[in-house]
């Protein structure tokens, strides 16, 4: 029986109109451009913009504000990449969030989806003593007599091993990376099929920005004035 997928997702709240005439809809991401347009049509109020009001997100460390500061296309790109990860890869992502080397930008999360193989998570090894005992019982110390092993402090051994590679102890296990924790994420362009933009091809951001309805002759600018 296939193991259920760990639930990680992003959905965006779109809203049109104001007051009693406002309408809204949750759009699960990733979404196609056709699905995005259909969501807008479902809530459109005449002469009103479509606003990105909020996000519902369940990805460790990715919050509403992080998504609102990025474009909708970028959030859609991340959602697509997250959906492609399996449970083992999602567990490593959760462990990163629980470590002292957690990600603090959307670009780091996107980069991880391409480089998850460079991270190693050893489940159950949650502190230096656990790591030390694992090494003492492993091949590296197979030739060491049992009486001599008893003289080795597992905690100190594990602490020294972790320090040498900047290993991270988390609630999910012991985490290391081949690329180094300070590596800058690679710049990647949002694929055209996932780049949800406005009618003029502009990037869309949350709350203060809007998508101008393509069939309308008028729209409100950012100062609230009406333009033709």
N, C-alpha and C. Protein backbone atom coordinates (compact mmCIF):
# COMPACT_ATOMS: atom_id res chain seq x y z
N UNK A 1 0.83 -1.20 0.00
CA UNK A 1 0.00 0.00 0.00
C UNK A 1 0.87 1.25 0.00
N UNK A 2 0.56 2.20 -0.88
CA UNK A 2 1.36 3.41 -1.00
C UNK A 2 1.15 4.31 0.22
N UNK A 3 2.26 4.83 0.73
CA UNK A 3 2.21 5.73 1.88
C UNK A 3 1.56 7.05 1.49
N UNK A 4 0.63 7.57 2.31
CA UNK A 4 -0.01 8.86 1.98
C UNK A 4 1.03 9.96 1.89
N UNK A 5 0.83 10.89 0.97
CA UNK A 5 1.77 11.98 0.79
C UNK A 5 1.64 12.98 1.94
N UNK A 6 2.78 13.45 2.42
CA UNK A 6 2.78 14.48 3.45
C UNK A 6 2.11 15.73 2.87
N UNK A 7 1.09 16.27 3.53
CA UNK A 7 0.36 17.41 2.95
C UNK A 7 1.16 18.72 3.03
N UNK A 8 1.57 19.21 1.88
CA UNK A 8 2.17 20.54 1.76
C UNK A 8 1.52 21.20 0.56
N UNK A 9 1.07 22.44 0.74
CA UNK A 9 0.31 23.07 -0.34
C UNK A 9 0.31 24.58 -0.21
N UNK A 10 -0.13 25.25 -1.29
CA UNK A 10 -0.35 26.69 -1.31
C UNK A 10 -1.68 26.95 -2.03
N UNK A 11 -2.48 27.86 -1.49
CA UNK A 11 -3.68 28.33 -2.17
C UNK A 11 -3.73 29.85 -2.02
N UNK A 12 -4.23 30.52 -3.05
CA UNK A 12 -4.30 31.98 -3.03
C UNK A 12 -5.76 32.43 -2.97
N UNK A 13 -6.03 33.48 -2.17
CA UNK A 13 -7.38 34.03 -2.06
C UNK A 13 -7.48 35.24 -2.98
N UNK A 14 -8.35 35.14 -3.97
CA UNK A 14 -8.60 36.23 -4.91
C UNK A 14 -9.92 36.89 -4.56
N UNK A 15 -9.97 38.22 -4.70
CA UNK A 15 -11.18 38.94 -4.31
C UNK A 15 -11.46 40.08 -5.30
N UNK A 16 -12.73 40.34 -5.54
CA UNK A 16 -13.15 41.41 -6.43
C UNK A 16 -14.27 42.20 -5.75
N UNK A 17 -14.36 43.49 -6.09
CA UNK A 17 -15.40 44.32 -5.50
C UNK A 17 -15.02 44.78 -4.11
N UNK A 18 -16.00 45.37 -3.41
CA UNK A 18 -15.76 45.82 -2.04
C UNK A 18 -17.08 45.83 -1.28
N UNK A 19 -16.96 45.78 0.03
CA UNK A 19 -18.15 45.81 0.89
C UNK A 19 -19.08 44.65 0.62
N UNK A 20 -20.39 44.95 0.54
CA UNK A 20 -21.39 43.91 0.33
C UNK A 20 -21.32 43.28 -1.05
N UNK A 21 -20.65 43.96 -1.98
CA UNK A 21 -20.56 43.45 -3.34
C UNK A 21 -19.28 42.66 -3.60
N UNK A 22 -18.48 42.46 -2.57
CA UNK A 22 -17.22 41.74 -2.78
C UNK A 22 -17.46 40.25 -2.95
N UNK A 23 -16.64 39.64 -3.77
CA UNK A 23 -16.68 38.20 -3.99
C UNK A 23 -15.26 37.66 -3.92
N UNK A 24 -15.13 36.45 -3.43
CA UNK A 24 -13.80 35.86 -3.31
C UNK A 24 -13.79 34.38 -3.62
N UNK A 25 -12.59 33.87 -3.86
CA UNK A 25 -12.44 32.45 -4.19
C UNK A 25 -11.02 32.00 -3.84
N UNK A 26 -10.93 30.76 -3.34
CA UNK A 26 -9.62 30.15 -3.12
C UNK A 26 -9.20 29.43 -4.39
N UNK A 27 -8.01 29.71 -4.86
CA UNK A 27 -7.45 29.03 -6.04
C UNK A 27 -6.27 28.19 -5.60
N UNK A 28 -6.40 26.86 -5.63
CA UNK A 28 -5.27 26.01 -5.26
C UNK A 28 -4.14 26.15 -6.28
N UNK A 29 -2.92 26.21 -5.78
CA UNK A 29 -1.74 26.27 -6.63
C UNK A 29 -1.00 24.94 -6.57
N UNK A 30 -0.36 24.51 -7.65
CA UNK A 30 -0.18 25.25 -8.90
C UNK A 30 -1.45 25.28 -9.74
N UNK A 31 -1.62 26.37 -10.47
CA UNK A 31 -2.78 26.54 -11.34
C UNK A 31 -2.31 26.89 -12.74
N UNK A 32 -3.07 26.47 -13.72
CA UNK A 32 -2.78 26.84 -15.10
C UNK A 32 -3.33 28.25 -15.35
N UNK A 33 -2.93 28.84 -16.44
CA UNK A 33 -3.45 30.16 -16.79
C UNK A 33 -4.95 30.09 -17.04
N UNK A 34 -5.41 28.98 -17.59
CA UNK A 34 -6.84 28.79 -17.84
C UNK A 34 -7.60 28.73 -16.53
N UNK A 35 -7.07 28.03 -15.53
CA UNK A 35 -7.71 27.93 -14.22
C UNK A 35 -7.71 29.28 -13.51
N UNK A 36 -6.64 30.04 -13.68
CA UNK A 36 -6.54 31.37 -13.08
C UNK A 36 -7.60 32.30 -13.67
N UNK A 37 -7.76 32.26 -14.98
CA UNK A 37 -8.76 33.10 -15.64
C UNK A 37 -10.17 32.69 -15.23
N UNK A 38 -10.41 31.38 -15.12
CA UNK A 38 -11.74 30.89 -14.71
C UNK A 38 -12.08 31.35 -13.29
N UNK A 39 -11.08 31.37 -12.40
CA UNK A 39 -11.31 31.83 -11.02
C UNK A 39 -11.68 33.30 -11.01
N UNK A 40 -11.02 34.08 -11.84
CA UNK A 40 -11.33 35.51 -11.90
C UNK A 40 -12.73 35.75 -12.46
N UNK A 41 -13.08 34.99 -13.47
CA UNK A 41 -14.42 35.14 -14.07
C UNK A 41 -15.51 34.78 -13.06
N UNK A 42 -15.21 33.84 -12.17
CA UNK A 42 -16.21 33.39 -11.20
C UNK A 42 -16.53 34.45 -10.15
N UNK A 43 -15.62 35.38 -9.92
CA UNK A 43 -15.83 36.37 -8.86
C UNK A 43 -15.86 37.80 -9.37
N UNK A 44 -15.69 37.98 -10.65
CA UNK A 44 -15.55 39.34 -11.18
C UNK A 44 -16.77 40.22 -10.90
N UNK A 45 -16.51 41.41 -10.39
CA UNK A 45 -17.53 42.44 -10.19
C UNK A 45 -17.21 43.56 -11.18
N UNK A 46 -18.21 44.02 -11.92
CA UNK A 46 -18.00 44.99 -12.98
C UNK A 46 -17.24 46.23 -12.50
N UNK A 47 -16.25 46.64 -13.28
CA UNK A 47 -15.41 47.82 -13.04
C UNK A 47 -14.54 47.69 -11.78
N UNK A 48 -14.39 46.47 -11.31
CA UNK A 48 -13.54 46.27 -10.14
C UNK A 48 -12.31 45.46 -10.53
N UNK A 49 -11.24 45.70 -9.81
CA UNK A 49 -10.03 44.91 -10.01
C UNK A 49 -10.15 43.56 -9.32
N UNK A 50 -9.26 42.65 -9.70
CA UNK A 50 -9.12 41.38 -9.00
C UNK A 50 -7.90 41.50 -8.09
N UNK A 51 -8.09 41.32 -6.80
CA UNK A 51 -7.01 41.50 -5.84
C UNK A 51 -6.53 40.17 -5.26
N UNK A 52 -5.22 40.10 -5.04
CA UNK A 52 -4.62 38.98 -4.32
C UNK A 52 -4.62 39.38 -2.85
N UNK A 53 -5.54 38.79 -2.07
CA UNK A 53 -5.73 39.24 -0.70
C UNK A 53 -4.93 38.45 0.34
N UNK A 54 -4.72 37.16 0.09
CA UNK A 54 -4.06 36.35 1.10
C UNK A 54 -3.62 35.01 0.51
N UNK A 55 -2.93 34.24 1.32
CA UNK A 55 -2.52 32.88 0.96
C UNK A 55 -2.82 31.94 2.12
N UNK A 56 -3.14 30.72 1.80
CA UNK A 56 -3.20 29.64 2.78
C UNK A 56 -2.07 28.69 2.40
N UNK A 57 -1.12 28.55 3.29
CA UNK A 57 0.08 27.79 2.95
C UNK A 57 0.44 26.81 4.05
N UNK A 58 0.85 25.62 3.63
CA UNK A 58 1.35 24.62 4.58
C UNK A 58 2.67 24.07 4.03
N UNK A 59 3.69 24.86 4.20
CA UNK A 59 5.07 24.47 3.89
C UNK A 59 5.91 25.03 5.03
N UNK A 60 6.64 24.21 5.77
CA UNK A 60 7.38 24.70 6.93
C UNK A 60 8.27 25.89 6.60
N UNK A 61 8.03 27.00 7.28
CA UNK A 61 8.85 28.19 7.09
C UNK A 61 8.36 29.16 6.04
N UNK A 62 7.42 28.74 5.20
CA UNK A 62 6.86 29.63 4.18
C UNK A 62 5.58 30.22 4.74
N UNK A 63 5.58 31.51 4.96
CA UNK A 63 4.42 32.16 5.54
C UNK A 63 3.69 33.04 4.54
N UNK A 64 2.57 33.57 4.98
CA UNK A 64 1.73 34.44 4.14
C UNK A 64 2.52 35.65 3.65
N UNK A 65 3.28 36.30 4.53
CA UNK A 65 3.99 37.51 4.15
C UNK A 65 5.08 37.22 3.11
N UNK A 66 5.74 36.07 3.23
CA UNK A 66 6.75 35.72 2.26
C UNK A 66 6.15 35.58 0.87
N UNK A 67 4.95 35.00 0.80
CA UNK A 67 4.29 34.81 -0.49
C UNK A 67 3.75 36.14 -1.03
N UNK A 68 3.20 36.97 -0.15
CA UNK A 68 2.66 38.26 -0.60
C UNK A 68 3.76 39.19 -1.12
N UNK A 69 4.97 39.02 -0.64
CA UNK A 69 6.07 39.85 -1.11
C UNK A 69 6.64 39.35 -2.44
N UNK A 70 6.26 38.15 -2.82
CA UNK A 70 6.69 37.60 -4.11
C UNK A 70 5.55 37.73 -5.11
N UNK A 71 5.83 37.53 -6.37
CA UNK A 71 4.78 37.59 -7.38
C UNK A 71 3.94 36.32 -7.33
N UNK A 72 2.72 36.41 -7.84
CA UNK A 72 1.85 35.23 -7.89
C UNK A 72 2.47 34.15 -8.76
N UNK A 73 3.12 34.55 -9.83
CA UNK A 73 3.79 33.58 -10.69
C UNK A 73 4.87 32.81 -9.97
N UNK A 74 5.60 33.52 -9.10
CA UNK A 74 6.68 32.86 -8.33
C UNK A 74 6.09 31.88 -7.31
N UNK A 75 5.00 32.27 -6.66
CA UNK A 75 4.33 31.38 -5.71
C UNK A 75 3.79 30.15 -6.43
N UNK A 76 3.29 30.33 -7.63
CA UNK A 76 2.77 29.22 -8.42
C UNK A 76 3.90 28.27 -8.81
N UNK A 77 5.04 28.83 -9.13
CA UNK A 77 6.24 28.05 -9.47
C UNK A 77 6.67 27.20 -8.28
N UNK A 78 6.72 27.80 -7.09
CA UNK A 78 7.10 27.05 -5.89
C UNK A 78 6.10 25.92 -5.64
N UNK A 79 4.80 26.21 -5.75
CA UNK A 79 3.79 25.18 -5.52
C UNK A 79 3.97 24.00 -6.46
N UNK A 80 4.29 24.30 -7.71
CA UNK A 80 4.51 23.24 -8.70
C UNK A 80 5.71 22.38 -8.32
N UNK A 81 6.76 23.01 -7.87
CA UNK A 81 7.98 22.28 -7.50
C UNK A 81 7.75 21.45 -6.23
N UNK A 82 7.02 21.99 -5.27
CA UNK A 82 6.75 21.27 -4.03
C UNK A 82 5.92 20.02 -4.31
N UNK A 83 4.94 20.13 -5.21
CA UNK A 83 4.08 19.00 -5.54
C UNK A 83 4.85 17.85 -6.19
N UNK A 84 6.02 18.14 -6.72
CA UNK A 84 6.83 17.11 -7.38
C UNK A 84 7.71 16.34 -6.40
N UNK A 85 7.79 16.78 -5.15
CA UNK A 85 8.64 16.13 -4.16
C UNK A 85 7.95 14.93 -3.53
N UNK A 86 8.73 13.91 -3.20
CA UNK A 86 8.17 12.75 -2.50
C UNK A 86 8.32 12.96 -0.99
N UNK A 87 7.84 12.00 -0.21
CA UNK A 87 7.82 12.16 1.25
C UNK A 87 9.22 12.30 1.84
N UNK A 88 10.17 11.56 1.33
CA UNK A 88 11.54 11.65 1.84
C UNK A 88 12.10 13.05 1.63
N UNK A 89 11.84 13.62 0.47
CA UNK A 89 12.33 14.96 0.16
C UNK A 89 11.59 16.02 0.98
N UNK A 90 10.31 15.80 1.23
CA UNK A 90 9.54 16.73 2.06
C UNK A 90 10.00 16.68 3.52
N UNK A 91 10.37 15.49 3.98
CA UNK A 91 10.87 15.35 5.35
C UNK A 91 12.18 16.11 5.52
N UNK A 92 13.03 16.06 4.53
CA UNK A 92 14.28 16.81 4.60
C UNK A 92 14.01 18.32 4.64
N UNK A 93 13.02 18.74 3.88
CA UNK A 93 12.65 20.16 3.88
C UNK A 93 12.13 20.58 5.25
N UNK A 94 11.33 19.73 5.88
CA UNK A 94 10.83 20.01 7.22
C UNK A 94 11.97 20.05 8.23
N UNK A 95 12.95 19.18 8.07
CA UNK A 95 14.10 19.15 8.98
C UNK A 95 14.94 20.42 8.83
N UNK A 96 15.08 20.91 7.62
CA UNK A 96 15.81 22.17 7.40
C UNK A 96 15.15 23.30 8.18
N UNK A 97 13.83 23.36 8.13
CA UNK A 97 13.09 24.39 8.86
C UNK A 97 13.34 24.28 10.37
N UNK A 98 13.52 23.06 10.86
CA UNK A 98 13.71 22.83 12.30
C UNK A 98 15.16 23.03 12.73
N UNK A 99 16.05 23.33 11.78
CA UNK A 99 17.47 23.49 12.08
C UNK A 99 17.83 24.97 12.26
N UNK A 100 19.08 25.20 12.63
CA UNK A 100 19.58 26.57 12.74
C UNK A 100 19.91 27.17 11.38
N UNK A 101 19.81 26.36 10.33
CA UNK A 101 20.13 26.80 8.97
C UNK A 101 18.87 26.88 8.11
N UNK A 102 17.77 27.24 8.73
CA UNK A 102 16.49 27.28 8.02
C UNK A 102 16.51 28.31 6.89
N UNK A 103 15.67 28.08 5.89
CA UNK A 103 15.56 29.00 4.75
C UNK A 103 14.73 30.23 5.15
N UNK A 104 15.08 31.37 4.58
CA UNK A 104 14.31 32.59 4.87
C UNK A 104 13.91 33.33 3.59
N UNK A 105 13.99 32.65 2.45
CA UNK A 105 13.56 33.28 1.20
C UNK A 105 12.90 32.25 0.30
N UNK A 106 12.00 32.71 -0.54
CA UNK A 106 11.31 31.84 -1.48
C UNK A 106 12.31 31.20 -2.45
N UNK A 107 13.35 31.94 -2.79
CA UNK A 107 14.33 31.43 -3.75
C UNK A 107 15.09 30.23 -3.18
N UNK A 108 15.34 30.23 -1.89
CA UNK A 108 16.00 29.07 -1.27
C UNK A 108 15.12 27.83 -1.34
N UNK A 109 13.82 28.03 -1.15
CA UNK A 109 12.90 26.89 -1.24
C UNK A 109 12.85 26.34 -2.66
N UNK A 110 12.76 27.23 -3.64
CA UNK A 110 12.75 26.78 -5.03
C UNK A 110 14.05 26.06 -5.36
N UNK A 111 15.17 26.62 -4.92
CA UNK A 111 16.47 26.01 -5.19
C UNK A 111 16.56 24.62 -4.56
N UNK A 112 15.99 24.46 -3.37
CA UNK A 112 16.02 23.16 -2.71
C UNK A 112 15.37 22.08 -3.56
N UNK A 113 14.28 22.41 -4.24
CA UNK A 113 13.56 21.40 -5.01
C UNK A 113 14.40 20.84 -6.15
N UNK A 114 15.43 21.56 -6.52
CA UNK A 114 16.35 21.07 -7.55
C UNK A 114 17.58 20.38 -6.96
N UNK A 115 17.87 20.66 -5.68
CA UNK A 115 19.10 20.16 -5.06
C UNK A 115 18.86 19.31 -3.81
N UNK A 116 17.66 18.75 -3.69
CA UNK A 116 17.36 17.98 -2.47
C UNK A 116 18.28 16.79 -2.27
N UNK A 117 18.85 16.28 -3.36
CA UNK A 117 19.75 15.13 -3.24
C UNK A 117 21.06 15.47 -2.54
N UNK A 118 21.38 16.76 -2.44
CA UNK A 118 22.62 17.16 -1.76
C UNK A 118 22.44 17.21 -0.25
N UNK A 119 21.21 17.00 0.22
CA UNK A 119 20.93 16.98 1.66
C UNK A 119 20.72 15.53 2.12
N UNK A 120 21.25 15.21 3.29
CA UNK A 120 21.10 13.88 3.87
C UNK A 120 20.47 13.99 5.25
N UNK A 121 19.41 13.25 5.47
CA UNK A 121 18.74 13.22 6.77
C UNK A 121 18.80 11.81 7.32
N UNK A 122 19.34 11.68 8.54
CA UNK A 122 19.39 10.38 9.22
C UNK A 122 18.33 10.41 10.31
N UNK A 123 17.18 9.80 10.08
CA UNK A 123 16.09 9.83 11.07
C UNK A 123 16.50 9.19 12.39
N UNK A 124 15.99 9.75 13.48
CA UNK A 124 16.23 9.16 14.80
C UNK A 124 17.50 9.63 15.48
N UNK A 125 18.42 10.23 14.72
CA UNK A 125 19.66 10.74 15.31
C UNK A 125 19.43 12.21 15.63
N UNK A 126 19.09 12.49 16.89
CA UNK A 126 18.61 13.81 17.26
C UNK A 126 19.55 14.62 18.14
N UNK A 127 20.69 14.02 18.53
CA UNK A 127 21.63 14.74 19.37
C UNK A 127 23.02 14.15 19.20
N UNK A 128 24.06 14.82 19.71
CA UNK A 128 25.43 14.34 19.54
C UNK A 128 25.65 12.91 20.05
N UNK A 129 25.01 12.56 21.17
CA UNK A 129 25.20 11.21 21.70
C UNK A 129 24.66 10.15 20.73
N UNK A 130 23.50 10.42 20.13
CA UNK A 130 22.95 9.50 19.13
C UNK A 130 23.91 9.32 17.97
N UNK A 131 24.48 10.42 17.50
CA UNK A 131 25.41 10.36 16.36
C UNK A 131 26.68 9.61 16.74
N UNK A 132 27.19 9.89 17.94
CA UNK A 132 28.39 9.20 18.39
C UNK A 132 28.18 7.70 18.48
N UNK A 133 27.06 7.27 19.06
CA UNK A 133 26.76 5.84 19.16
C UNK A 133 26.60 5.20 17.78
N UNK A 134 26.02 5.93 16.84
CA UNK A 134 25.86 5.39 15.49
C UNK A 134 27.22 5.12 14.86
N UNK A 135 28.16 6.03 15.04
CA UNK A 135 29.50 5.84 14.49
C UNK A 135 30.24 4.72 15.21
N UNK A 136 30.10 4.65 16.52
CA UNK A 136 30.79 3.59 17.27
C UNK A 136 30.30 2.21 16.88
N UNK A 137 29.03 2.11 16.50
CA UNK A 137 28.46 0.82 16.10
C UNK A 137 28.62 0.55 14.61
N UNK A 138 29.20 1.50 13.88
CA UNK A 138 29.31 1.36 12.43
C UNK A 138 30.64 0.82 11.97
N UNK A 139 30.82 0.83 10.65
CA UNK A 139 32.02 0.26 10.04
C UNK A 139 33.28 1.03 10.40
N UNK A 140 33.17 2.35 10.61
CA UNK A 140 34.35 3.16 10.89
C UNK A 140 35.07 2.71 12.17
N UNK A 141 34.31 2.12 13.10
CA UNK A 141 34.90 1.70 14.37
C UNK A 141 34.83 0.18 14.53
N UNK A 142 34.63 -0.53 13.44
CA UNK A 142 34.48 -1.98 13.51
C UNK A 142 35.74 -2.66 14.04
N UNK A 143 36.91 -2.10 13.74
CA UNK A 143 38.17 -2.71 14.15
C UNK A 143 38.58 -2.33 15.57
N UNK A 144 37.83 -1.43 16.19
CA UNK A 144 38.17 -0.99 17.55
C UNK A 144 37.60 -1.98 18.56
N UNK A 145 38.45 -2.53 19.44
CA UNK A 145 37.97 -3.50 20.44
C UNK A 145 36.86 -2.90 21.31
N UNK A 146 35.94 -3.74 21.76
CA UNK A 146 34.81 -3.29 22.57
C UNK A 146 35.23 -2.57 23.82
N UNK A 147 36.28 -3.06 24.51
CA UNK A 147 36.73 -2.43 25.75
C UNK A 147 37.23 -1.01 25.49
N UNK A 148 37.85 -0.81 24.32
CA UNK A 148 38.36 0.51 23.98
C UNK A 148 37.21 1.45 23.61
N UNK A 149 36.20 0.92 22.96
CA UNK A 149 35.03 1.74 22.59
C UNK A 149 34.37 2.32 23.83
N UNK A 150 34.40 1.56 24.93
CA UNK A 150 33.78 2.02 26.16
C UNK A 150 34.47 3.26 26.72
N UNK A 151 35.70 3.50 26.27
CA UNK A 151 36.45 4.66 26.75
C UNK A 151 36.13 5.93 25.95
N UNK A 152 35.39 5.75 24.87
CA UNK A 152 35.06 6.88 24.00
C UNK A 152 33.70 7.44 24.39
N UNK A 153 33.65 8.72 24.62
CA UNK A 153 32.40 9.40 25.00
C UNK A 153 31.56 9.62 23.73
N UNK A 154 30.42 8.95 23.60
CA UNK A 154 29.59 9.11 22.39
C UNK A 154 29.19 10.56 22.13
N UNK A 155 28.90 11.30 23.20
CA UNK A 155 28.47 12.69 23.04
C UNK A 155 29.58 13.53 22.43
N UNK A 156 30.77 13.44 22.97
CA UNK A 156 31.89 14.23 22.46
C UNK A 156 32.24 13.82 21.04
N UNK A 157 32.20 12.52 20.76
CA UNK A 157 32.49 12.04 19.42
C UNK A 157 31.47 12.61 18.42
N UNK A 158 30.20 12.51 18.77
CA UNK A 158 29.15 13.02 17.88
C UNK A 158 29.24 14.52 17.69
N UNK A 159 29.54 15.25 18.77
CA UNK A 159 29.65 16.71 18.69
C UNK A 159 30.79 17.12 17.77
N UNK A 160 31.91 16.42 17.86
CA UNK A 160 33.07 16.75 17.01
C UNK A 160 32.79 16.43 15.54
N UNK A 161 32.10 15.32 15.28
CA UNK A 161 31.77 14.95 13.90
C UNK A 161 30.82 15.98 13.30
N UNK A 162 29.81 16.37 14.06
CA UNK A 162 28.84 17.35 13.56
C UNK A 162 29.50 18.71 13.33
N UNK A 163 30.39 19.10 14.21
CA UNK A 163 31.07 20.39 14.08
C UNK A 163 31.92 20.44 12.82
N UNK A 164 32.54 19.32 12.49
CA UNK A 164 33.44 19.27 11.33
C UNK A 164 32.71 19.51 10.01
N UNK A 165 31.43 19.14 9.95
CA UNK A 165 30.67 19.28 8.69
C UNK A 165 29.48 20.22 8.83
N UNK A 166 29.39 20.91 9.97
CA UNK A 166 28.25 21.79 10.26
C UNK A 166 26.94 21.01 10.17
N UNK A 167 26.94 19.82 10.73
CA UNK A 167 25.73 19.01 10.77
C UNK A 167 24.71 19.59 11.73
N UNK A 168 23.43 19.39 11.42
CA UNK A 168 22.35 19.98 12.21
C UNK A 168 21.51 18.89 12.86
N UNK A 169 21.31 19.02 14.17
CA UNK A 169 20.43 18.10 14.89
C UNK A 169 19.03 18.69 14.93
N UNK A 170 18.05 17.92 14.49
CA UNK A 170 16.67 18.40 14.46
C UNK A 170 15.76 17.36 15.10
N UNK A 171 14.51 17.72 15.27
CA UNK A 171 13.54 16.79 15.84
C UNK A 171 13.29 15.61 14.91
N UNK A 172 13.64 15.76 13.64
CA UNK A 172 13.42 14.70 12.66
C UNK A 172 14.66 13.87 12.41
N UNK A 173 15.81 14.33 12.90
CA UNK A 173 17.03 13.57 12.70
C UNK A 173 18.23 14.48 12.44
N UNK A 174 19.32 13.85 12.04
CA UNK A 174 20.59 14.55 11.80
C UNK A 174 20.69 14.92 10.32
N UNK A 175 21.00 16.19 10.05
CA UNK A 175 20.93 16.72 8.69
C UNK A 175 22.27 17.32 8.27
N UNK A 176 22.70 16.95 7.06
CA UNK A 176 23.91 17.52 6.49
C UNK A 176 23.66 17.90 5.03
N UNK A 177 24.55 18.72 4.49
CA UNK A 177 24.45 19.08 3.08
C UNK A 177 25.83 19.08 2.43
N UNK A 178 25.89 18.68 1.18
CA UNK A 178 27.16 18.63 0.46
C UNK A 178 27.58 20.00 -0.03
N UNK A 179 26.63 20.90 -0.24
CA UNK A 179 26.92 22.18 -0.88
C UNK A 179 27.25 23.31 0.09
N UNK A 180 27.13 23.07 1.38
CA UNK A 180 27.37 24.12 2.35
C UNK A 180 26.11 24.93 2.58
N UNK A 181 25.86 25.30 3.82
CA UNK A 181 24.62 25.98 4.17
C UNK A 181 24.56 27.41 3.65
N UNK A 182 25.69 28.01 3.38
CA UNK A 182 25.67 29.41 2.95
C UNK A 182 25.62 29.60 1.45
N UNK A 183 25.47 28.52 0.69
CA UNK A 183 25.47 28.63 -0.77
C UNK A 183 24.29 29.46 -1.25
N UNK A 184 24.54 30.40 -2.15
CA UNK A 184 23.48 31.25 -2.69
C UNK A 184 22.61 30.45 -3.64
N UNK A 185 21.29 30.62 -3.58
CA UNK A 185 20.41 29.89 -4.50
C UNK A 185 20.63 30.32 -5.94
N UNK A 186 20.53 29.39 -6.85
CA UNK A 186 20.70 29.69 -8.27
C UNK A 186 19.47 30.44 -8.78
N UNK A 187 19.72 31.46 -9.59
CA UNK A 187 18.61 32.24 -10.16
C UNK A 187 17.92 31.41 -11.24
N UNK A 188 16.63 31.23 -11.09
CA UNK A 188 15.85 30.45 -12.04
C UNK A 188 14.62 31.25 -12.47
N UNK A 189 14.38 31.26 -13.76
CA UNK A 189 13.24 31.99 -14.30
C UNK A 189 11.97 31.17 -14.16
N UNK A 190 10.87 31.81 -13.80
CA UNK A 190 9.60 31.12 -13.71
C UNK A 190 9.18 30.62 -15.09
N UNK A 191 8.89 29.33 -15.25
CA UNK A 191 8.44 28.81 -16.54
C UNK A 191 7.20 29.57 -17.02
N UNK A 192 7.14 29.83 -18.30
CA UNK A 192 6.05 30.63 -18.87
C UNK A 192 4.68 30.05 -18.54
N UNK A 193 4.55 28.72 -18.56
CA UNK A 193 3.26 28.09 -18.30
C UNK A 193 2.78 28.31 -16.86
N UNK A 194 3.70 28.62 -15.94
CA UNK A 194 3.35 28.80 -14.53
C UNK A 194 3.32 30.26 -14.11
N UNK A 195 3.75 31.14 -15.00
CA UNK A 195 3.87 32.56 -14.65
C UNK A 195 2.51 33.24 -14.81
N UNK A 196 1.74 33.27 -13.74
CA UNK A 196 0.42 33.90 -13.76
C UNK A 196 0.60 35.40 -13.67
N UNK A 197 0.23 36.10 -14.74
CA UNK A 197 0.46 37.53 -14.82
C UNK A 197 -0.84 38.28 -15.10
N UNK A 198 -0.74 39.60 -15.13
CA UNK A 198 -1.88 40.42 -15.46
C UNK A 198 -2.13 40.46 -16.96
N UNK A 199 -3.16 41.16 -17.36
CA UNK A 199 -3.57 41.21 -18.77
C UNK A 199 -2.51 41.85 -19.66
N UNK A 200 -1.63 42.64 -19.05
CA UNK A 200 -0.56 43.30 -19.80
C UNK A 200 0.78 42.59 -19.60
N UNK A 201 0.74 41.41 -19.00
CA UNK A 201 1.96 40.65 -18.77
C UNK A 201 2.72 41.07 -17.53
N UNK A 202 2.10 41.92 -16.70
CA UNK A 202 2.78 42.41 -15.51
C UNK A 202 2.73 41.37 -14.38
N UNK A 203 3.75 41.40 -13.53
CA UNK A 203 3.77 40.52 -12.37
C UNK A 203 2.72 41.00 -11.37
N UNK A 204 2.10 40.05 -10.67
CA UNK A 204 1.03 40.37 -9.73
C UNK A 204 1.48 40.12 -8.31
N UNK A 205 1.25 41.10 -7.44
CA UNK A 205 1.62 40.98 -6.04
C UNK A 205 0.38 41.13 -5.16
N UNK A 206 0.55 40.93 -3.88
CA UNK A 206 -0.58 40.87 -2.98
C UNK A 206 -1.13 42.20 -2.52
N UNK A 207 -2.41 42.26 -2.30
CA UNK A 207 -3.19 43.32 -1.65
C UNK A 207 -3.07 44.69 -2.32
N UNK A 208 -1.90 45.28 -2.36
CA UNK A 208 -1.77 46.64 -2.88
C UNK A 208 -1.77 46.67 -4.41
N UNK A 209 -1.67 45.51 -5.01
CA UNK A 209 -1.57 45.45 -6.46
C UNK A 209 -2.74 44.63 -7.00
N UNK A 210 -3.07 44.82 -8.26
CA UNK A 210 -4.22 44.13 -8.80
C UNK A 210 -4.01 43.75 -10.26
N UNK A 211 -4.88 42.89 -10.72
CA UNK A 211 -4.89 42.53 -12.13
C UNK A 211 -5.99 43.35 -12.80
N UNK A 212 -5.65 44.05 -13.84
CA UNK A 212 -6.64 44.86 -14.53
C UNK A 212 -7.45 43.96 -15.46
N UNK A 213 -8.74 43.99 -15.30
CA UNK A 213 -9.61 43.12 -16.08
C UNK A 213 -9.46 43.44 -17.57
N UNK A 214 -9.14 42.47 -18.41
CA UNK A 214 -8.76 42.74 -19.80
C UNK A 214 -9.87 43.33 -20.65
N UNK A 215 -11.13 43.07 -20.33
CA UNK A 215 -12.23 43.52 -21.17
C UNK A 215 -12.79 44.87 -20.73
N UNK A 216 -12.25 45.43 -19.68
CA UNK A 216 -12.77 46.70 -19.16
C UNK A 216 -12.03 47.88 -19.78
N UNK A 217 -12.76 48.95 -20.09
CA UNK A 217 -12.15 50.14 -20.65
C UNK A 217 -11.50 51.00 -19.57
N UNK A 218 -11.90 50.78 -18.32
CA UNK A 218 -11.41 51.60 -17.22
C UNK A 218 -10.77 50.72 -16.16
N UNK A 219 -9.86 51.30 -15.43
CA UNK A 219 -9.32 50.64 -14.25
C UNK A 219 -8.85 51.71 -13.28
N UNK A 220 -8.76 51.31 -12.03
CA UNK A 220 -8.28 52.24 -11.00
C UNK A 220 -6.77 52.14 -10.90
N UNK A 221 -6.11 53.28 -10.88
CA UNK A 221 -4.66 53.23 -10.66
C UNK A 221 -4.38 53.12 -9.17
N UNK A 222 -3.11 53.08 -8.81
CA UNK A 222 -2.74 52.85 -7.41
C UNK A 222 -3.11 54.03 -6.50
N UNK A 223 -3.43 55.19 -7.08
CA UNK A 223 -3.84 56.32 -6.26
C UNK A 223 -5.35 56.39 -6.10
N UNK A 224 -6.06 55.45 -6.75
CA UNK A 224 -7.50 55.42 -6.62
C UNK A 224 -8.22 56.18 -7.71
N UNK A 225 -7.48 56.84 -8.60
CA UNK A 225 -8.10 57.59 -9.68
C UNK A 225 -8.54 56.67 -10.81
N UNK A 226 -9.49 57.15 -11.61
CA UNK A 226 -9.98 56.34 -12.71
C UNK A 226 -9.32 56.76 -14.00
N UNK A 227 -8.79 55.79 -14.74
CA UNK A 227 -8.09 56.10 -15.96
C UNK A 227 -8.80 55.43 -17.14
N UNK A 228 -8.63 56.02 -18.32
CA UNK A 228 -9.24 55.46 -19.52
C UNK A 228 -8.16 54.97 -20.48
